[in-house]
């Protein structure tokens, strides 16, 4: 996937990914690749929010694909919607190099104590 993290805090995580190598047979960015980017960014934010003694695991994700990306990079920005003790939710907006919205996702992660010895 070649995801590169550019910024990371519990409130906001930004990363980018090349379109090349992440396409479907028509040469367009694969919708599943957009979801992988979104889940990666939201999960990183949730893990940062959870802290070192807790873990964050994906609970729900959805995606709306707005337009195709054919080349270059897409950038995802995960913005916290809600950061609680057991759930963290993020909106992830994925844009192309012209700052056009390619995809919008929402991810919710469950935050729980890490397993003993993990």
C-alpha atoms as a PDB file:
ATOM      1  CA  UNK A   1       0.000   0.000   0.000  1.00  0.00           C
ATOM      2  CA  UNK A   2       3.008   2.277   0.641  1.00  0.00           C
ATOM      3  CA  UNK A   3       1.125   4.478   3.128  1.00  0.00           C
ATOM      4  CA  UNK A   4       3.222   7.318   4.514  1.00  0.00           C
ATOM      5  CA  UNK A   5       2.157   9.003   7.767  1.00  0.00           C
ATOM      6  CA  UNK A   6       2.680  12.778   7.590  1.00  0.00           C
ATOM      7  CA  UNK A   7       1.149  13.897  10.891  1.00  0.00           C
ATOM      8  CA  UNK A   8      -0.248  12.115  13.923  1.00  0.00           C
ATOM      9  CA  UNK A   9      -2.079  13.196  17.068  1.00  0.00           C
ATOM     10  CA  UNK A  10      -5.153  11.741  18.766  1.00  0.00           C
ATOM     11  CA  UNK A  11      -7.243  14.517  17.168  1.00  0.00           C
ATOM     12  CA  UNK A  12      -5.837  14.385  13.622  1.00  0.00           C
ATOM     13  CA  UNK A  13      -3.843  11.928  11.532  1.00  0.00           C
ATOM     14  CA  UNK A  14      -2.710  12.687   7.977  1.00  0.00           C
ATOM     15  CA  UNK A  15      -1.202  10.191   5.551  1.00  0.00           C
ATOM     16  CA  UNK A  16      -0.764   9.678   1.850  1.00  0.00           C
ATOM     17  CA  UNK A  17      -0.652   6.751  -0.519  1.00  0.00           C
ATOM     18  CA  UNK A  18       0.297   6.396  -4.186  1.00  0.00           C
ATOM     19  CA  UNK A  19      -2.418   5.544  -6.664  1.00  0.00           C
ATOM     20  CA  UNK A  20       0.031   3.454  -8.688  1.00  0.00           C
ATOM     21  CA  UNK A  21       0.077  -0.091  -7.342  1.00  0.00           C
ATOM     22  CA  UNK A  22      -3.305   0.395  -5.634  1.00  0.00           C
ATOM     23  CA  UNK A  23      -5.599   0.281  -8.655  1.00  0.00           C
ATOM     24  CA  UNK A  24      -8.398  -1.942  -9.880  1.00  0.00           C
ATOM     25  CA  UNK A  25      -8.419  -3.409 -13.427  1.00  0.00           C
ATOM     26  CA  UNK A  26      -9.611  -0.127 -15.022  1.00  0.00           C
ATOM     27  CA  UNK A  27      -6.572   1.773 -13.751  1.00  0.00           C
ATOM     28  CA  UNK A  28      -8.519   3.676 -11.101  1.00  0.00           C
ATOM     29  CA  UNK A  29      -7.677   3.816  -7.403  1.00  0.00           C
ATOM     30  CA  UNK A  30      -9.281   0.726  -5.868  1.00  0.00           C
ATOM     31  CA  UNK A  31     -12.073   1.564  -3.443  1.00  0.00           C
ATOM     32  CA  UNK A  32     -10.690  -1.014  -1.050  1.00  0.00           C
ATOM     33  CA  UNK A  33      -7.347   0.806  -1.048  1.00  0.00           C
ATOM     34  CA  UNK A  34      -9.138   3.989   0.031  1.00  0.00           C
ATOM     35  CA  UNK A  35     -10.740   2.050   2.882  1.00  0.00           C
ATOM     36  CA  UNK A  36      -7.354   0.614   3.910  1.00  0.00           C
ATOM     37  CA  UNK A  37      -5.937   4.146   4.047  1.00  0.00           C
ATOM     38  CA  UNK A  38      -8.908   5.385   6.078  1.00  0.00           C
ATOM     39  CA  UNK A  39      -8.805   2.475   8.522  1.00  0.00           C
ATOM     40  CA  UNK A  40      -5.068   2.865   8.980  1.00  0.00           C
ATOM     41  CA  UNK A  41      -5.344   6.576   9.773  1.00  0.00           C
ATOM     42  CA  UNK A  42      -8.343   6.231  12.072  1.00  0.00           C
ATOM     43  CA  UNK A  43      -6.797   3.280  13.907  1.00  0.00           C
ATOM     44  CA  UNK A  44      -3.560   5.189  14.452  1.00  0.00           C
ATOM     45  CA  UNK A  45      -5.497   8.124  15.891  1.00  0.00           C
ATOM     46  CA  UNK A  46      -7.511   5.822  18.154  1.00  0.00           C
ATOM     47  CA  UNK A  47      -4.334   4.070  19.348  1.00  0.00           C
ATOM     48  CA  UNK A  48      -2.733   7.427  20.143  1.00  0.00           C
ATOM     49  CA  UNK A  49      -5.876   8.396  22.068  1.00  0.00           C
ATOM     50  CA  UNK A  50      -5.973   5.046  23.902  1.00  0.00           C
ATOM     51  CA  UNK A  51      -2.429   5.379  25.223  1.00  0.00           C
ATOM     52  CA  UNK A  52       0.276   2.774  25.838  1.00  0.00           C
ATOM     53  CA  UNK A  53      -1.664   0.449  28.189  1.00  0.00           C
ATOM     54  CA  UNK A  54      -4.739   0.128  25.965  1.00  0.00           C
ATOM     55  CA  UNK A  55      -5.395  -1.001  22.395  1.00  0.00           C
ATOM     56  CA  UNK A  56      -7.738   0.172  19.657  1.00  0.00           C
ATOM     57  CA  UNK A  57      -9.444  -2.273  17.304  1.00  0.00           C
ATOM     58  CA  UNK A  58     -11.705  -1.487  14.370  1.00  0.00           C
ATOM     59  CA  UNK A  59     -15.410  -1.873  15.094  1.00  0.00           C
ATOM     60  CA  UNK A  60     -17.093  -0.251  12.088  1.00  0.00           C
ATOM     61  CA  UNK A  61     -16.089   1.491   8.863  1.00  0.00           C
ATOM     62  CA  UNK A  62     -18.032   2.832   5.907  1.00  0.00           C
ATOM     63  CA  UNK A  63     -17.023   4.638   2.759  1.00  0.00           C
ATOM     64  CA  UNK A  64     -18.557   6.792   0.055  1.00  0.00           C
ATOM     65  CA  UNK A  65     -16.521   7.053  -3.151  1.00  0.00           C
ATOM     66  CA  UNK A  66     -17.012  10.442  -4.824  1.00  0.00           C
ATOM     67  CA  UNK A  67     -14.623  10.468  -7.778  1.00  0.00           C
ATOM     68  CA  UNK A  68     -11.866   8.443  -9.396  1.00  0.00           C
ATOM     69  CA  UNK A  69      -8.156   8.982  -8.895  1.00  0.00           C
ATOM     70  CA  UNK A  70      -5.927   7.784 -11.743  1.00  0.00           C
ATOM     71  CA  UNK A  71      -2.399   8.872 -10.823  1.00  0.00           C
ATOM     72  CA  UNK A  72      -0.240  10.625  -8.271  1.00  0.00           C
ATOM     73  CA  UNK A  73      -1.017  10.434  -4.577  1.00  0.00           C
ATOM     74  CA  UNK A  74      -4.147  10.589  -2.476  1.00  0.00           C
ATOM     75  CA  UNK A  75      -4.023  12.158   0.974  1.00  0.00           C
ATOM     76  CA  UNK A  76      -6.223  11.105   3.858  1.00  0.00           C
ATOM     77  CA  UNK A  77      -7.027  13.304   6.838  1.00  0.00           C
ATOM     78  CA  UNK A  78      -8.631  11.602   9.832  1.00  0.00           C
ATOM     79  CA  UNK A  79     -10.343  14.062  12.154  1.00  0.00           C
ATOM     80  CA  UNK A  80     -11.682  12.936  15.528  1.00  0.00           C
ATOM     81  CA  UNK A  81     -15.458  13.078  15.852  1.00  0.00           C
ATOM     82  CA  UNK A  82     -15.641  11.563  19.342  1.00  0.00           C
ATOM     83  CA  UNK A  83     -12.880  10.402  21.696  1.00  0.00           C
ATOM     84  CA  UNK A  84     -14.293   8.484  24.644  1.00  0.00           C
ATOM     85  CA  UNK A  85     -13.113   5.899  27.115  1.00  0.00           C
ATOM     86  CA  UNK A  86     -14.309   2.923  25.062  1.00  0.00           C
ATOM     87  CA  UNK A  87     -14.956   4.279  21.558  1.00  0.00           C
ATOM     88  CA  UNK A  88     -13.124   6.608  19.195  1.00  0.00           C
ATOM     89  CA  UNK A  89     -14.718   7.760  15.924  1.00  0.00           C
ATOM     90  CA  UNK A  90     -13.081   9.580  13.034  1.00  0.00           C
ATOM     91  CA  UNK A  91     -14.143  11.122   9.757  1.00  0.00           C
ATOM     92  CA  UNK A  92     -11.536  10.469   7.082  1.00  0.00           C
ATOM     93  CA  UNK A  93     -11.519  12.661   3.988  1.00  0.00           C
ATOM     94  CA  UNK A  94      -9.382  11.424   1.103  1.00  0.00           C
ATOM     95  CA  UNK A  95      -8.397  13.935  -1.571  1.00  0.00           C
ATOM     96  CA  UNK A  96      -6.400  13.856  -4.788  1.00  0.00           C
ATOM     97  CA  UNK A  97      -3.474  16.121  -5.677  1.00  0.00           C
ATOM     98  CA  UNK A  98      -5.903  18.819  -6.875  1.00  0.00           C
ATOM     99  CA  UNK A  99      -7.539  18.769  -3.400  1.00  0.00           C
ATOM    100  CA  UNK A 100     -10.711  17.194  -4.828  1.00  0.00           C
ATOM    101  CA  UNK A 101     -12.558  14.825  -2.507  1.00  0.00           C
ATOM    102  CA  UNK A 102     -12.146  11.235  -3.682  1.00  0.00           C
ATOM    103  CA  UNK A 103     -13.693   9.408  -0.718  1.00  0.00           C
ATOM    104  CA  UNK A 104     -15.256  10.047   2.672  1.00  0.00           C
ATOM    105  CA  UNK A 105     -15.084   7.395   5.399  1.00  0.00           C
ATOM    106  CA  UNK A 106     -16.161   7.080   8.995  1.00  0.00           C
ATOM    107  CA  UNK A 107     -14.377   4.647  11.295  1.00  0.00           C
ATOM    108  CA  UNK A 108     -15.182   3.683  14.874  1.00  0.00           C
ATOM    109  CA  UNK A 109     -12.662   1.839  17.023  1.00  0.00           C
ATOM    110  CA  UNK A 110     -13.216  -0.004  20.283  1.00  0.00           C
ATOM    111  CA  UNK A 111     -10.701   0.897  22.976  1.00  0.00           C
ATOM    112  CA  UNK A 112      -9.900  -1.803  25.485  1.00  0.00           C
ATOM    113  CA  UNK A 113      -7.219  -2.868  27.900  1.00  0.00           C
ATOM    114  CA  UNK A 114      -4.304  -4.689  26.315  1.00  0.00           C
ATOM    115  CA  UNK A 115      -4.183  -8.427  26.937  1.00  0.00           C
ATOM    116  CA  UNK A 116      -1.784  -9.417  29.739  1.00  0.00           C
ATOM    117  CA  UNK A 117       1.697  -9.944  28.354  1.00  0.00           C
ATOM    118  CA  UNK A 118       0.862  -8.221  25.049  1.00  0.00           C
END
